[in-house]
Amino acid sequence: MLSEFQQLDTQVLGASTDAAPPQKAFADHCSLTFPLVADFPVFAAAKAFGVYNEERMTDSRVTFVIDKKGVIRHIIQDTQNTEQHATESLEFLKTLGAK
């Protein structure tokens, strides 16, 4: 679905509390062509976005749709279905373009 996001002039970016080597292995395994950011070992981004779980020392699976001004416009959470994250994000972006 990356090309559909690109057609909407959208930057897709992945972030995780995993270190860089596991991130690279994941990207290679899944043939990802968008950037992944390793928020390790400080977890500053995960903490700033409120998705870091101190007890488990990991982040939650959450997708943020952020506009070009840096404003969070939509949040998708509480699902392990990554396709749903992508589909819902794309549909939301289309509604932004219609306004």
N, C-alpha and C. Protein backbone atom coordinates (compact mmCIF):
# COMPACT_ATOMS: atom_id res chain seq x y z
N MET A 1 0.81 -1.21 0.00
CA MET A 1 0.00 0.00 0.00
C MET A 1 0.86 1.27 0.00
N LEU A 2 2.18 1.11 0.05
CA LEU A 2 3.06 2.27 0.13
C LEU A 2 2.83 3.23 -1.02
N SER A 3 2.65 2.72 -2.22
CA SER A 3 2.45 3.60 -3.37
C SER A 3 1.19 4.45 -3.21
N GLU A 4 0.15 3.90 -2.58
CA GLU A 4 -1.07 4.67 -2.35
C GLU A 4 -0.82 5.83 -1.39
N PHE A 5 0.01 5.59 -0.38
CA PHE A 5 0.38 6.67 0.54
C PHE A 5 1.19 7.72 -0.19
N GLN A 6 2.12 7.29 -1.03
CA GLN A 6 2.97 8.23 -1.77
C GLN A 6 2.15 9.08 -2.72
N GLN A 7 1.10 8.52 -3.31
CA GLN A 7 0.23 9.29 -4.20
C GLN A 7 -0.48 10.42 -3.45
N LEU A 8 -0.62 10.26 -2.15
CA LEU A 8 -1.25 11.29 -1.32
C LEU A 8 -0.21 12.23 -0.69
N ASP A 9 1.03 12.19 -1.23
CA ASP A 9 2.12 13.03 -0.74
C ASP A 9 2.35 12.82 0.75
N THR A 10 2.43 11.55 1.13
CA THR A 10 2.55 11.15 2.53
C THR A 10 3.86 10.42 2.77
N GLN A 11 4.50 10.71 3.89
CA GLN A 11 5.72 10.00 4.31
C GLN A 11 5.33 8.92 5.31
N VAL A 12 5.69 7.69 5.01
CA VAL A 12 5.47 6.57 5.93
C VAL A 12 6.78 6.35 6.67
N LEU A 13 6.66 6.19 7.98
CA LEU A 13 7.82 6.00 8.84
C LEU A 13 7.45 5.03 9.94
N GLY A 14 8.31 4.07 10.21
CA GLY A 14 8.09 3.12 11.30
C GLY A 14 9.04 3.43 12.44
N ALA A 15 8.59 3.22 13.66
CA ALA A 15 9.44 3.43 14.84
C ALA A 15 9.17 2.32 15.83
N SER A 16 10.22 1.94 16.55
CA SER A 16 10.10 0.87 17.52
C SER A 16 11.13 1.06 18.62
N THR A 17 10.87 0.46 19.77
CA THR A 17 11.84 0.49 20.86
C THR A 17 12.91 -0.58 20.67
N ASP A 18 12.84 -1.33 19.59
CA ASP A 18 13.91 -2.30 19.28
C ASP A 18 15.17 -1.56 18.86
N ALA A 19 16.31 -2.19 19.07
CA ALA A 19 17.59 -1.63 18.63
C ALA A 19 17.68 -1.69 17.11
N ALA A 20 18.65 -0.99 16.55
CA ALA A 20 18.79 -0.90 15.09
C ALA A 20 19.00 -2.25 14.40
N PRO A 21 19.84 -3.16 14.91
CA PRO A 21 20.03 -4.43 14.19
C PRO A 21 18.74 -5.25 14.01
N PRO A 22 17.91 -5.42 15.06
CA PRO A 22 16.64 -6.13 14.83
C PRO A 22 15.71 -5.37 13.88
N GLN A 23 15.75 -4.04 13.93
CA GLN A 23 14.94 -3.24 13.01
C GLN A 23 15.35 -3.52 11.56
N LYS A 24 16.65 -3.55 11.32
CA LYS A 24 17.14 -3.82 9.96
C LYS A 24 16.76 -5.22 9.52
N ALA A 25 16.89 -6.19 10.40
CA ALA A 25 16.52 -7.57 10.07
C ALA A 25 15.03 -7.66 9.73
N PHE A 26 14.20 -6.97 10.49
CA PHE A 26 12.77 -6.94 10.23
C PHE A 26 12.48 -6.30 8.88
N ALA A 27 13.10 -5.16 8.62
CA ALA A 27 12.90 -4.46 7.34
C ALA A 27 13.34 -5.33 6.17
N ASP A 28 14.47 -6.00 6.31
CA ASP A 28 14.95 -6.88 5.25
C ASP A 28 14.00 -8.06 5.05
N HIS A 29 13.58 -8.67 6.14
CA HIS A 29 12.68 -9.82 6.07
C HIS A 29 11.36 -9.47 5.39
N CYS A 30 10.85 -8.29 5.68
CA CYS A 30 9.56 -7.86 5.12
C CYS A 30 9.70 -7.06 3.84
N SER A 31 10.94 -6.86 3.38
CA SER A 31 11.22 -6.06 2.17
C SER A 31 10.62 -4.66 2.26
N LEU A 32 10.77 -4.04 3.41
CA LEU A 32 10.24 -2.70 3.61
C LEU A 32 11.11 -1.68 2.87
N THR A 33 10.46 -0.70 2.29
CA THR A 33 11.20 0.34 1.57
C THR A 33 11.02 1.71 2.21
N PHE A 34 10.34 1.78 3.35
CA PHE A 34 10.20 3.04 4.06
C PHE A 34 11.12 3.01 5.28
N PRO A 35 11.49 4.18 5.80
CA PRO A 35 12.42 4.25 6.93
C PRO A 35 11.84 3.67 8.22
N LEU A 36 12.72 3.02 8.97
CA LEU A 36 12.40 2.56 10.33
C LEU A 36 13.35 3.28 11.29
N VAL A 37 12.82 3.71 12.41
CA VAL A 37 13.59 4.43 13.41
C VAL A 37 13.69 3.57 14.66
N ALA A 38 14.90 3.41 15.17
CA ALA A 38 15.13 2.67 16.40
C ALA A 38 15.12 3.66 17.57
N ASP A 39 14.15 3.55 18.43
CA ASP A 39 14.00 4.44 19.59
C ASP A 39 14.65 3.78 20.81
N PHE A 40 15.89 3.37 20.64
CA PHE A 40 16.61 2.58 21.64
C PHE A 40 17.94 3.24 21.91
N PRO A 41 18.41 3.32 23.09
CA PRO A 41 17.97 2.71 24.34
C PRO A 41 17.19 3.66 25.25
N VAL A 42 16.97 4.90 24.83
CA VAL A 42 16.34 5.89 25.71
C VAL A 42 14.82 5.87 25.63
N PHE A 43 14.27 5.45 24.48
CA PHE A 43 12.82 5.37 24.26
C PHE A 43 12.15 6.73 24.34
N ALA A 44 12.86 7.77 23.95
CA ALA A 44 12.34 9.14 24.06
C ALA A 44 11.08 9.36 23.24
N ALA A 45 11.06 8.88 22.01
CA ALA A 45 9.87 9.08 21.16
C ALA A 45 8.67 8.33 21.72
N ALA A 46 8.88 7.06 22.09
CA ALA A 46 7.77 6.26 22.62
C ALA A 46 7.20 6.90 23.89
N LYS A 47 8.06 7.44 24.73
CA LYS A 47 7.60 8.10 25.94
C LYS A 47 6.87 9.40 25.61
N ALA A 48 7.42 10.17 24.67
CA ALA A 48 6.80 11.44 24.29
C ALA A 48 5.41 11.24 23.69
N PHE A 49 5.23 10.15 22.93
CA PHE A 49 3.94 9.87 22.31
C PHE A 49 3.01 9.07 23.23
N GLY A 50 3.49 8.73 24.45
CA GLY A 50 2.66 8.05 25.43
C GLY A 50 2.39 6.59 25.11
N VAL A 51 3.29 5.94 24.38
CA VAL A 51 3.07 4.54 24.01
C VAL A 51 4.08 3.58 24.64
N TYR A 52 4.91 4.10 25.54
CA TYR A 52 5.92 3.26 26.17
C TYR A 52 5.37 2.61 27.44
N ASN A 53 5.57 1.30 27.56
CA ASN A 53 5.14 0.55 28.73
C ASN A 53 6.39 0.29 29.59
N GLU A 54 6.51 1.01 30.70
CA GLU A 54 7.69 0.90 31.57
C GLU A 54 7.87 -0.52 32.10
N GLU A 55 6.77 -1.15 32.49
CA GLU A 55 6.83 -2.49 33.07
C GLU A 55 7.37 -3.52 32.07
N ARG A 56 6.88 -3.46 30.85
CA ARG A 56 7.30 -4.42 29.82
C ARG A 56 8.52 -3.95 29.04
N MET A 57 8.90 -2.68 29.24
CA MET A 57 10.03 -2.07 28.53
C MET A 57 9.88 -2.20 27.02
N THR A 58 8.70 -1.88 26.53
CA THR A 58 8.42 -1.93 25.10
C THR A 58 7.34 -0.91 24.77
N ASP A 59 7.12 -0.73 23.49
CA ASP A 59 6.08 0.20 23.06
C ASP A 59 4.83 -0.55 22.63
N SER A 60 3.73 0.16 22.58
CA SER A 60 2.47 -0.39 22.09
C SER A 60 2.42 -0.20 20.58
N ARG A 61 1.64 -1.03 19.91
CA ARG A 61 1.46 -0.87 18.47
C ARG A 61 0.41 0.20 18.24
N VAL A 62 0.89 1.38 17.87
CA VAL A 62 0.02 2.53 17.66
C VAL A 62 0.46 3.22 16.37
N THR A 63 -0.51 3.67 15.59
CA THR A 63 -0.22 4.43 14.38
C THR A 63 -0.74 5.84 14.57
N PHE A 64 0.11 6.81 14.27
CA PHE A 64 -0.27 8.22 14.33
C PHE A 64 -0.27 8.77 12.91
N VAL A 65 -1.34 9.45 12.54
CA VAL A 65 -1.36 10.20 11.28
C VAL A 65 -1.10 11.65 11.68
N ILE A 66 0.03 12.17 11.21
CA ILE A 66 0.48 13.51 11.59
C ILE A 66 0.50 14.38 10.35
N ASP A 67 -0.12 15.55 10.44
CA ASP A 67 -0.15 16.41 9.25
C ASP A 67 1.18 17.13 9.07
N LYS A 68 1.26 17.89 7.99
CA LYS A 68 2.52 18.56 7.64
C LYS A 68 2.91 19.67 8.62
N LYS A 69 1.98 20.06 9.49
CA LYS A 69 2.28 21.05 10.52
C LYS A 69 2.70 20.39 11.82
N GLY A 70 2.74 19.04 11.84
CA GLY A 70 3.14 18.32 13.03
C GLY A 70 2.01 18.03 14.00
N VAL A 71 0.77 18.20 13.56
CA VAL A 71 -0.39 17.98 14.42
C VAL A 71 -0.88 16.54 14.23
N ILE A 72 -1.05 15.82 15.34
CA ILE A 72 -1.60 14.46 15.27
C ILE A 72 -3.07 14.58 14.91
N ARG A 73 -3.45 14.00 13.77
CA ARG A 73 -4.82 14.11 13.28
C ARG A 73 -5.65 12.86 13.52
N HIS A 74 -4.98 11.70 13.68
CA HIS A 74 -5.71 10.44 13.84
C HIS A 74 -4.79 9.44 14.54
N ILE A 75 -5.37 8.61 15.41
CA ILE A 75 -4.61 7.59 16.15
C ILE A 75 -5.31 6.26 16.00
N ILE A 76 -4.53 5.23 15.69
CA ILE A 76 -5.05 3.86 15.60
C ILE A 76 -4.28 3.04 16.62
N GLN A 77 -5.02 2.36 17.50
CA GLN A 77 -4.35 1.58 18.55
C GLN A 77 -5.17 0.36 18.91
N ASP A 78 -4.64 -0.41 19.82
CA ASP A 78 -5.31 -1.59 20.37
C ASP A 78 -5.65 -2.66 19.34
N THR A 79 -4.80 -2.81 18.36
CA THR A 79 -4.99 -3.90 17.41
C THR A 79 -3.63 -4.41 16.96
N GLN A 80 -3.51 -5.68 16.79
CA GLN A 80 -2.27 -6.27 16.29
C GLN A 80 -2.32 -6.45 14.78
N ASN A 81 -3.46 -6.09 14.17
CA ASN A 81 -3.64 -6.24 12.74
C ASN A 81 -2.97 -5.06 12.03
N THR A 82 -1.75 -5.26 11.57
CA THR A 82 -1.02 -4.17 10.93
C THR A 82 -1.68 -3.71 9.64
N GLU A 83 -2.35 -4.61 8.95
CA GLU A 83 -3.04 -4.20 7.73
C GLU A 83 -4.15 -3.21 8.06
N GLN A 84 -4.83 -3.42 9.19
CA GLN A 84 -5.87 -2.49 9.61
C GLN A 84 -5.28 -1.10 9.85
N HIS A 85 -4.09 -1.05 10.45
CA HIS A 85 -3.43 0.24 10.68
C HIS A 85 -3.22 0.96 9.35
N ALA A 86 -2.70 0.24 8.37
CA ALA A 86 -2.42 0.84 7.07
C ALA A 86 -3.71 1.25 6.36
N THR A 87 -4.69 0.37 6.35
CA THR A 87 -5.95 0.64 5.66
C THR A 87 -6.68 1.82 6.28
N GLU A 88 -6.77 1.83 7.60
CA GLU A 88 -7.47 2.92 8.29
C GLU A 88 -6.74 4.25 8.11
N SER A 89 -5.42 4.21 8.16
CA SER A 89 -4.63 5.44 7.95
C SER A 89 -4.87 5.99 6.56
N LEU A 90 -4.84 5.12 5.56
CA LEU A 90 -5.04 5.54 4.18
C LEU A 90 -6.43 6.14 3.99
N GLU A 91 -7.43 5.50 4.54
CA GLU A 91 -8.80 6.02 4.42
C GLU A 91 -8.93 7.38 5.09
N PHE A 92 -8.30 7.54 6.25
CA PHE A 92 -8.36 8.83 6.94
C PHE A 92 -7.67 9.91 6.11
N LEU A 93 -6.52 9.59 5.54
CA LEU A 93 -5.80 10.56 4.71
C LEU A 93 -6.64 11.00 3.51
N LYS A 94 -7.37 10.07 2.95
CA LYS A 94 -8.24 10.41 1.81
C LYS A 94 -9.32 11.40 2.24
N THR A 95 -9.84 11.27 3.46
CA THR A 95 -10.86 12.21 3.93
C THR A 95 -10.25 13.59 4.14
N LEU A 96 -8.98 13.65 4.53
CA LEU A 96 -8.31 14.94 4.70
C LEU A 96 -8.20 15.65 3.36
N GLY A 97 -7.89 14.89 2.32
CA GLY A 97 -7.74 15.47 0.99
C GLY A 97 -9.05 15.96 0.42
N ALA A 98 -10.15 15.42 0.90
CA ALA A 98 -11.47 15.79 0.39
C ALA A 98 -11.98 17.09 1.03
N LYS A 99 -11.30 17.55 2.09
CA LYS A 99 -11.77 18.74 2.81
C LYS A 99 -11.20 20.01 2.20
